[in-house]
Protein backbone atom coordinates (compact mmCIF):
# COMPACT_ATOMS: atom_id res chain seq x y z
CA MET A 1 -0.06 -0.14 0.09
CA ARG A 2 1.04 3.47 -0.59
CA ARG A 3 -0.58 4.43 3.03
CA ALA A 4 0.41 7.74 3.57
CA LEU A 5 0.94 9.59 6.55
CA PRO A 6 1.77 6.76 8.56
CA LEU A 7 2.86 8.52 11.62
CA LEU A 8 -0.40 10.21 12.42
CA LEU A 9 -1.73 6.61 12.47
CA PRO A 10 -0.16 5.15 16.20
CA LEU A 11 -2.68 2.88 16.87
CA LEU A 12 -3.27 1.67 13.58
CA LEU A 13 0.86 0.55 13.58
CA LEU A 14 0.20 -1.10 16.69
CA ALA A 15 -2.57 -3.02 14.89
CA ALA A 16 -0.05 -4.21 12.30
CA CYS A 17 -4.79 -2.27 4.96
CA THR A 18 -25.12 -6.32 -3.98
CA GLY A 19 -26.29 -7.67 -7.24
CA SER A 20 -23.88 -10.09 -8.88
CA PRO A 21 -20.72 -9.60 -10.25
CA ASP A 22 -19.29 -10.47 -13.76
CA ALA A 23 -19.73 -14.55 -14.24
CA PRO A 24 -16.44 -15.71 -14.38
CA ASP A 25 -4.32 -24.30 8.15
CA ASP A 26 -3.64 -20.30 8.53
CA GLY A 27 0.19 -21.05 8.07
CA ALA A 28 2.14 -21.59 4.85
CA GLY A 29 3.76 -24.84 4.83
CA GLY A 30 3.53 -28.21 2.91
CA ASP A 31 3.67 -28.91 -0.87
CA THR A 32 3.92 -25.76 -3.12
CA SER A 33 2.64 -27.40 -5.96
CA PRO A 34 -0.42 -25.68 -7.59
CA PRO A 35 -3.88 -27.23 -6.78
CA ALA A 36 -5.53 -28.14 -9.98
CA PRO A 37 -7.02 -25.01 -11.48
CA SER A 38 -11.22 -25.51 -11.20
CA GLY A 39 -11.64 -23.74 -14.75
CA PRO A 40 -10.73 -20.56 -16.14
CA HIS A 41 -9.90 -17.55 -13.86
CA TRP A 42 -12.21 -14.57 -12.86
CA ARG A 43 -11.63 -11.54 -14.83
CA PRO A 44 -13.35 -8.67 -13.57
CA LYS A 45 -14.97 -5.60 -15.69
CA PRO A 46 -15.15 -1.82 -15.43
CA GLY A 47 -17.41 -1.07 -13.23
CA LEU A 48 -17.91 -3.42 -10.12
CA THR A 49 -18.74 -2.22 -6.94
CA TRP A 50 -16.41 -3.24 -4.28
CA GLN A 51 -15.64 -3.49 -0.69
CA TRP A 52 -11.73 -3.10 1.04
CA GLN A 53 -11.97 -4.80 4.66
CA LEU A 54 -8.54 -5.92 5.76
CA LYS A 55 -9.43 -5.23 9.59
CA GLY A 56 -12.19 -6.12 12.22
CA THR A 57 -15.11 -8.33 12.39
CA LEU A 58 -16.16 -8.73 8.66
CA ASP A 59 -19.25 -7.44 7.85
CA PRO A 60 -20.45 -9.32 4.81
CA THR A 61 -23.80 -7.10 4.58
CA VAL A 62 -22.05 -4.33 2.45
CA ASP A 63 -23.69 -3.36 -0.77
CA ALA A 64 -20.58 -4.43 -3.17
CA GLN A 65 -20.34 -6.79 -5.54
CA VAL A 66 -16.95 -7.85 -4.88
CA TYR A 67 -14.64 -7.81 -1.47
CA ASP A 68 -11.29 -7.55 -0.58
CA ILE A 69 -10.04 -9.55 2.25
CA ASP A 70 -7.23 -10.82 4.61
CA ALA A 71 -5.72 -14.29 3.03
CA VAL A 72 -5.05 -15.29 6.97
CA ASP A 73 -7.97 -13.54 9.23
CA GLN A 74 -10.23 -14.82 7.07
CA SER A 75 -11.63 -18.20 7.08
CA ALA A 76 -12.91 -20.57 4.20
CA ALA A 77 -16.08 -20.16 6.09
CA ALA A 78 -15.66 -16.37 5.44
CA VAL A 79 -15.06 -16.67 1.92
CA ALA A 80 -18.11 -19.16 1.39
CA ASP A 81 -20.61 -16.89 3.05
CA LEU A 82 -19.59 -14.20 0.92
CA HIS A 83 -20.15 -16.70 -2.26
CA ARG A 84 -23.74 -17.44 -1.09
CA ARG A 85 -24.52 -13.38 -0.71
CA GLY A 86 -23.17 -13.63 -4.49
CA ARG A 87 -20.06 -11.75 -4.50
CA LYS A 88 -16.40 -12.59 -5.61
CA VAL A 89 -14.09 -12.30 -3.14
CA ILE A 90 -10.21 -10.82 -3.46
CA CYS A 91 -7.45 -12.59 -1.12
CA TYR A 92 -4.92 -9.89 -0.01
CA VAL A 93 -1.71 -10.89 0.35
CA SER A 94 1.63 -8.86 0.92
CA THR A 95 4.24 -9.97 -1.52
CA GLY A 96 6.55 -7.21 -1.40
CA ALA A 97 7.38 -6.89 2.26
CA TRP A 98 7.26 -9.14 5.23
CA GLU A 99 4.96 -8.70 8.34
CA ASN A 100 6.06 -9.96 11.52
CA TRP A 101 3.06 -11.53 13.07
CA ARG A 102 2.12 -13.45 10.02
CA PRO A 103 2.28 -17.75 10.68
CA ASP A 104 5.16 -18.07 8.08
CA ALA A 105 7.12 -14.41 9.35
CA GLY A 106 9.67 -17.38 10.39
CA ARG A 107 10.54 -19.09 7.14
CA PHE A 108 11.86 -15.54 5.98
CA PRO A 109 15.87 -15.56 6.29
CA LYS A 110 17.26 -12.55 7.27
CA ALA A 111 19.00 -12.07 4.33
CA VAL A 112 15.78 -10.97 2.45
CA LEU A 113 14.61 -8.40 4.86
CA GLY A 114 15.61 -5.24 4.36
CA ASN A 115 14.48 -1.30 5.75
CA GLY A 116 11.16 -0.73 7.27
CA ASN A 117 8.52 0.20 4.97
CA GLY A 118 6.73 3.02 7.39
CA TRP A 119 4.56 0.45 9.30
CA ALA A 120 5.55 -1.29 12.46
CA GLY A 121 6.50 -4.86 12.42
CA GLU A 122 6.87 -4.61 8.07
CA LYS A 123 9.94 -4.35 6.10
CA TRP A 124 10.38 -4.44 2.11
CA LEU A 125 12.24 -7.93 0.64
CA ASP A 126 14.36 -8.49 -1.73
CA ILE A 127 12.57 -9.36 -4.66
CA ARG A 128 15.71 -10.40 -6.30
CA ARG A 129 15.97 -13.70 -4.67
CA THR A 130 12.72 -15.58 -6.19
CA ASP A 131 15.04 -18.58 -5.20
CA VAL A 132 13.92 -17.92 -1.40
CA LEU A 133 10.71 -15.81 -2.18
CA GLU A 134 8.71 -17.85 -4.83
CA PRO A 135 7.92 -20.80 -2.73
CA LEU A 136 6.86 -19.04 0.17
CA ILE A 137 4.84 -16.68 -2.10
CA ALA A 138 3.27 -19.55 -3.91
CA GLN A 139 2.10 -21.23 -0.69
CA ARG A 140 0.58 -18.07 0.28
CA PHE A 141 -1.13 -18.60 -2.60
CA ASP A 142 -2.01 -21.80 -2.09
CA LEU A 143 -4.02 -20.89 0.99
CA CYS A 144 -5.63 -18.30 -1.27
CA ARG A 145 -7.07 -21.28 -3.39
CA ALA A 146 -7.73 -23.68 -0.63
CA LYS A 147 -9.91 -20.96 1.12
CA GLY A 148 -11.54 -20.68 -1.96
CA PHE A 149 -10.94 -17.00 -3.20
CA ASP A 150 -11.66 -16.19 -6.78
CA ALA A 151 -8.38 -13.55 -7.13
CA VAL A 152 -4.72 -12.33 -4.90
CA GLU A 153 -4.32 -8.47 -4.42
CA PRO A 154 -0.39 -8.55 -4.02
CA ASP A 155 0.75 -5.66 -2.06
CA ASN A 156 3.78 -3.31 -1.80
CA MET A 157 4.71 -4.19 -5.50
CA ASP A 158 6.43 -0.91 -6.26
CA GLY A 159 9.79 -1.40 -3.95
CA TYR A 160 11.71 -0.30 -6.63
CA ARG A 161 10.69 2.91 -6.10
CA ASN A 162 11.26 3.13 -2.43
CA ASP A 163 14.19 2.75 0.18
CA THR A 164 14.41 -0.70 0.44
CA GLY A 165 17.90 -0.77 1.52
CA PHE A 166 18.39 -3.39 -1.76
CA PRO A 167 19.40 -2.06 -4.82
CA LEU A 168 16.57 -2.82 -6.63
CA MET A 169 16.15 -1.90 -10.41
CA ALA A 170 13.07 -1.72 -12.38
CA GLY A 171 13.89 -4.89 -13.83
CA ASP A 172 14.00 -6.44 -11.13
CA GLN A 173 10.28 -5.04 -9.90
CA LEU A 174 9.17 -6.66 -13.59
CA ARG A 175 10.29 -9.97 -12.98
CA TYR A 176 9.18 -10.46 -9.65
CA ASN A 177 5.86 -8.89 -10.96
CA GLU A 178 5.28 -11.53 -13.58
CA LEU A 179 6.36 -14.17 -11.29
CA ILE A 180 3.44 -13.24 -9.03
CA ALA A 181 1.17 -13.04 -11.96
CA ARG A 182 1.88 -16.46 -13.22
CA LEU A 183 1.75 -17.90 -9.65
CA ALA A 184 -2.02 -16.83 -9.20
CA HIS A 185 -2.84 -17.90 -12.75
CA ASP A 186 -1.11 -21.52 -12.14
CA ARG A 187 -3.80 -21.49 -9.18
CA GLY A 188 -6.73 -20.24 -11.32
CA LEU A 189 -6.80 -16.88 -9.51
CA ALA A 190 -7.18 -13.61 -11.10
CA VAL A 191 -4.75 -11.33 -9.54
CA GLY A 192 -4.42 -7.20 -10.09
CA LEU A 193 -1.59 -4.95 -10.00
CA LYS A 194 -1.24 -2.71 -6.97
CA ASN A 195 -0.13 0.77 -7.36
CA ASP A 196 2.74 -0.05 -9.85
CA LEU A 197 1.47 2.73 -12.20
CA ASP A 198 4.81 2.94 -14.12
CA GLN A 199 4.90 -0.66 -15.30
CA ILE A 200 1.47 -0.77 -16.15
CA PRO A 201 2.10 -0.48 -20.25
CA ARG A 202 4.76 -4.00 -19.31
CA LEU A 203 2.56 -5.71 -16.87
CA LEU A 204 -1.00 -4.72 -18.28
CA ALA A 205 -1.13 -8.39 -20.23
CA HIS A 206 -0.17 -10.05 -17.23
CA TYR A 207 -2.30 -8.74 -14.91
CA ASP A 208 -6.52 -8.96 -15.15
CA PHE A 209 -7.46 -5.71 -12.91
CA ALA A 210 -5.80 -2.73 -10.90
CA VAL A 211 -6.11 -2.01 -6.88
CA ASP A 212 -4.90 1.47 -6.65
CA GLU A 213 -4.84 3.62 -3.54
CA GLN A 214 -4.60 7.66 -4.05
CA CYS A 215 -4.94 8.09 -7.40
CA ALA A 216 -6.88 11.18 -7.48
CA GLN A 217 -5.04 12.85 -4.47
CA TYR A 218 -2.06 12.34 -6.11
CA GLN A 219 -3.64 13.31 -9.52
CA GLU A 220 -2.70 10.37 -11.75
CA CYS A 221 -6.00 8.49 -11.97
CA ASP A 222 -5.72 8.74 -15.65
CA ARG A 223 -2.75 6.46 -15.86
CA LEU A 224 -5.08 3.77 -15.09
CA THR A 225 -7.24 3.89 -17.89
CA PRO A 226 -4.77 1.02 -19.68
CA PHE A 227 -6.77 -1.29 -17.36
CA VAL A 228 -10.19 0.03 -18.05
CA THR A 229 -9.59 0.23 -22.17
CA ALA A 230 -8.31 -3.47 -21.81
CA GLY A 231 -11.93 -4.03 -20.30
CA LYS A 232 -10.10 -4.49 -16.66
CA ALA A 233 -11.39 -3.45 -13.89
CA VAL A 234 -9.77 -0.86 -11.59
CA PHE A 235 -10.61 -0.76 -7.82
CA HIS A 236 -9.64 2.39 -6.54
CA ALA A 237 -9.77 3.90 -2.86
CA GLU A 238 -9.31 7.45 -1.41
CA TYR A 239 -8.55 7.97 2.38
CA GLU A 240 -7.89 12.02 2.59
CA LEU A 241 -10.32 13.00 -0.62
CA THR A 242 -14.26 12.87 0.16
CA PRO A 243 -16.21 11.29 -2.79
CA ASP A 244 -17.61 15.13 -3.82
CA ARG A 245 -13.69 15.52 -4.86
CA PHE A 246 -13.14 12.30 -6.98
CA CYS A 247 -16.38 10.25 -7.87
CA ALA A 248 -17.11 12.80 -10.90
CA ALA A 249 -13.71 11.86 -12.31
CA SER A 250 -13.65 8.69 -11.25
CA LYS A 251 -17.18 7.93 -12.72
CA LYS A 252 -15.73 9.14 -16.60
CA LEU A 253 -12.89 7.36 -16.34
CA GLY A 254 -14.44 3.67 -15.44
CA LEU A 255 -13.15 3.54 -12.30
CA SER A 256 -14.75 1.64 -9.10
CA SER A 257 -13.78 4.13 -6.34
CA ILE A 258 -14.67 4.44 -2.64
CA GLN A 259 -13.31 6.48 0.04
CA LYS A 260 -11.86 4.21 3.08
CA LYS A 261 -10.44 5.26 6.85
CA TYR A 262 -6.30 4.01 7.06
CA ASP A 263 -7.49 1.47 9.05
CA LEU A 264 -9.27 -0.74 6.46
CA MET A 265 -12.08 -1.52 8.66
CA ALA A 266 -15.60 -1.89 7.53
CA TRP A 267 -16.57 1.81 6.70
CA ARG A 268 -16.76 2.98 3.43
CA ARG A 269 -18.42 5.55 1.18
CA ALA A 270 -18.62 4.49 -2.36
CA CYS A 271 -19.27 6.82 -5.54
């Protein structure tokens, strides 16, 4: 996540981000081979409504066609319940940063842990070390698949533009992001590109949708139009702008936009 202004949110730092949609163990151990996909993966189209809740007791009654929820904190039963309610469900997984509270945190060697990313307990990963990271991320995606999710939201996908502690280059990020897309598709899961706007032209073909934070605040939402033009949804959230300041422009661009609070609990205002 971009997660702006983290220093203003100490409590959050201690804590750790209807209608039918278009058709088609909390640890991370065991066999890394992907389960057989049940069929073609979901391809969300522009215009779908969405809810993004990563913290707190899940509220399954929000009037949204798509839910984006945490891979570990939410159960297979919660995913099944959302499916019964006609929702598609996206699995939130941090693929570019280490989180010290995750069940598999101890399986990440210190050599791949870099600088903090501004949030308590999180550190950037050395995405060049795919020999180490690929099996770990594959196991996380296996968990998403086992719980019945339809898609994956891989987070922290723009480390090369941050002070990670590693000399990451744009090419390193491209290779890693392509790998992440392949791992998701191998498991029959759709996959969304998170925030990495500069590399959209190179990654558009690999990703089924986009997830973006604060493109209106930073005046860059038009850079997401390649996804919409390609018939792929853009799920967009603002924190500091109210809907009257971004919804009209979002609708013109074809984005699925909401306002959220930084805690990413159930509260939401939709366009």
